[in-house]
Amino acid sequence: MAIGTPRKRSASLNVLAMLVALVLSAFIGATAGLIWQSAGWFEDEAEHEVVTAEAPGD
């Protein structure tokens, strides 16, 4: 009969490291998205205003 508790080594989950990686990737993704949106790449034509109805009084 064993005396005491058995010593099992459990793998560390590294929750703190995963949290830091998640927050870091969120900031990098948000920054890349904002840069991509404001850069205006692949826009060949300028945006045109589309008038669907005449203004009153014209």
Protein backbone atom coordinates (compact mmCIF):
# COMPACT_ATOMS: atom_id res chain seq x y z
CA MET A 1 0.00 0.00 0.00
CA ALA A 2 1.36 3.36 -1.03
CA ILE A 3 1.81 6.03 1.57
CA GLY A 4 1.16 9.62 0.50
CA THR A 5 -0.01 10.98 -2.81
CA PRO A 6 1.50 9.85 -6.09
CA ARG A 7 3.62 12.49 -7.79
CA LYS A 8 2.35 13.00 -11.31
CA ARG A 9 3.94 15.62 -13.48
CA SER A 10 1.28 17.43 -15.40
CA ALA A 11 2.11 19.46 -18.46
CA SER A 12 2.06 23.19 -17.90
CA LEU A 13 -0.64 24.96 -19.90
CA ASN A 14 1.30 28.24 -20.12
CA VAL A 15 -1.90 30.24 -19.89
CA LEU A 16 -0.02 33.48 -19.40
CA ALA A 17 2.05 32.92 -22.55
CA MET A 18 -1.10 32.10 -24.54
CA LEU A 19 -2.81 35.25 -23.24
CA VAL A 20 0.15 37.42 -24.22
CA ALA A 21 0.27 35.81 -27.68
CA LEU A 22 -3.46 36.35 -28.17
CA VAL A 23 -3.34 40.02 -27.18
CA LEU A 24 -0.25 40.61 -29.31
CA SER A 25 -1.80 38.97 -32.36
CA ALA A 26 -5.00 40.99 -31.89
CA PHE A 27 -3.06 44.26 -31.91
CA ILE A 28 -0.98 43.21 -34.91
CA GLY A 29 -4.10 42.16 -36.82
CA ALA A 30 -5.94 45.38 -36.00
CA THR A 31 -2.96 47.48 -37.03
CA ALA A 32 -2.55 45.59 -40.29
CA GLY A 33 -6.27 45.97 -41.03
CA LEU A 34 -6.21 49.71 -40.43
CA ILE A 35 -3.12 50.14 -42.61
CA TRP A 36 -4.71 48.06 -45.38
CA GLN A 37 -7.94 50.05 -45.19
CA SER A 38 -6.30 53.47 -45.23
CA ALA A 39 -3.72 52.64 -47.91
CA GLY A 40 -6.29 52.43 -50.70
CA TRP A 41 -4.37 49.78 -52.62
CA PHE A 42 -5.97 48.27 -55.69
CA GLU A 43 -8.32 51.22 -56.18
CA ASP A 44 -8.24 51.96 -59.89
CA GLU A 45 -11.16 54.36 -60.08
CA ALA A 46 -12.20 57.20 -57.83
CA GLU A 47 -15.53 56.84 -56.11
CA HIS A 48 -18.41 58.55 -57.92
CA GLU A 49 -21.51 60.00 -56.33
CA VAL A 50 -24.68 58.40 -57.63
CA VAL A 51 -27.75 60.67 -57.76
CA THR A 52 -30.99 58.71 -57.67
CA ALA A 53 -33.50 61.57 -57.48
CA GLU A 54 -33.61 65.28 -58.18
CA ALA A 55 -33.39 67.61 -55.20
CA PRO A 56 -36.60 69.55 -54.41
CA GLY A 57 -36.71 72.99 -56.04
CA ASP A 58 -34.49 72.14 -59.01
